[in-house]
Amino acid sequence: MDGRRSPADPSRLNPGVAHNARVWNYWLGGKDHYPADRAFPAQVAQYGAVARKP
């Protein structure tokens, strides 16, 4: 190995940036999300997009 980290390396996790899987987890009532993931739906709603339950 040459010591470089791959893009998928978990040490590259940035909790300050929303991630689609964690946002989805938040919408489903899960526990594995960060403040950025909770704030993202409100940012999307500013553009008129809403998520509705079927």
Protein backbone atom coordinates (compact mmCIF):
# COMPACT_ATOMS: atom_id res chain seq x y z
CA MET A 1 0.00 0.00 0.00
CA ASP A 2 1.15 3.53 -0.63
CA GLY A 3 -0.57 5.13 2.40
CA ARG A 4 -3.20 7.04 0.44
CA ARG A 5 -6.83 6.89 1.52
CA SER A 6 -9.53 5.83 -0.88
CA PRO A 7 -12.59 8.12 -1.33
CA ALA A 8 -14.70 5.49 0.44
CA ASP A 9 -12.48 5.56 3.52
CA PRO A 10 -14.73 6.06 6.59
CA SER A 11 -12.20 8.45 8.09
CA ARG A 12 -13.32 10.92 5.40
CA LEU A 13 -16.78 11.23 6.96
CA ASN A 14 -17.88 14.87 7.06
CA PRO A 15 -20.84 15.28 9.44
CA GLY A 16 -21.10 18.94 8.41
CA VAL A 17 -22.34 17.96 4.94
CA ALA A 18 -25.72 16.28 4.42
CA HIS A 19 -25.63 12.80 2.91
CA ASN A 20 -28.60 11.31 1.08
CA ALA A 21 -28.62 8.07 3.10
CA ARG A 22 -28.56 9.92 6.43
CA VAL A 23 -31.26 12.38 5.29
CA TRP A 24 -33.42 9.40 4.33
CA ASN A 25 -32.69 7.86 7.72
CA TYR A 26 -33.84 11.09 9.38
CA TRP A 27 -37.07 11.18 7.33
CA LEU A 28 -37.80 7.60 8.35
CA GLY A 29 -37.32 8.39 12.03
CA GLY A 30 -33.96 6.70 12.38
CA LYS A 31 -31.21 7.65 14.79
CA ASP A 32 -28.14 7.73 12.53
CA HIS A 33 -27.98 11.32 11.27
CA TYR A 34 -26.26 14.64 12.00
CA PRO A 35 -27.51 18.24 12.28
CA ALA A 36 -26.66 18.87 8.61
CA ASP A 37 -28.89 15.96 7.62
CA ARG A 38 -31.76 17.34 9.72
CA ALA A 39 -31.35 20.84 8.26
CA PHE A 40 -31.33 19.74 4.63
CA PRO A 41 -35.11 19.07 4.27
CA ALA A 42 -35.83 22.65 5.39
CA GLN A 43 -33.37 23.95 2.79
CA VAL A 44 -35.08 21.91 0.06
CA ALA A 45 -38.52 23.16 1.16
CA GLN A 46 -37.38 26.73 0.41
CA TYR A 47 -37.51 25.78 -3.26
CA GLY A 48 -41.08 24.54 -3.02
CA ALA A 49 -40.25 20.84 -2.90
CA VAL A 50 -42.05 18.81 -0.28
CA ALA A 51 -42.00 15.18 0.73
CA ARG A 52 -45.42 13.71 1.30
CA LYS A 53 -46.49 10.43 2.75
CA PRO A 54 -48.41 8.26 0.24
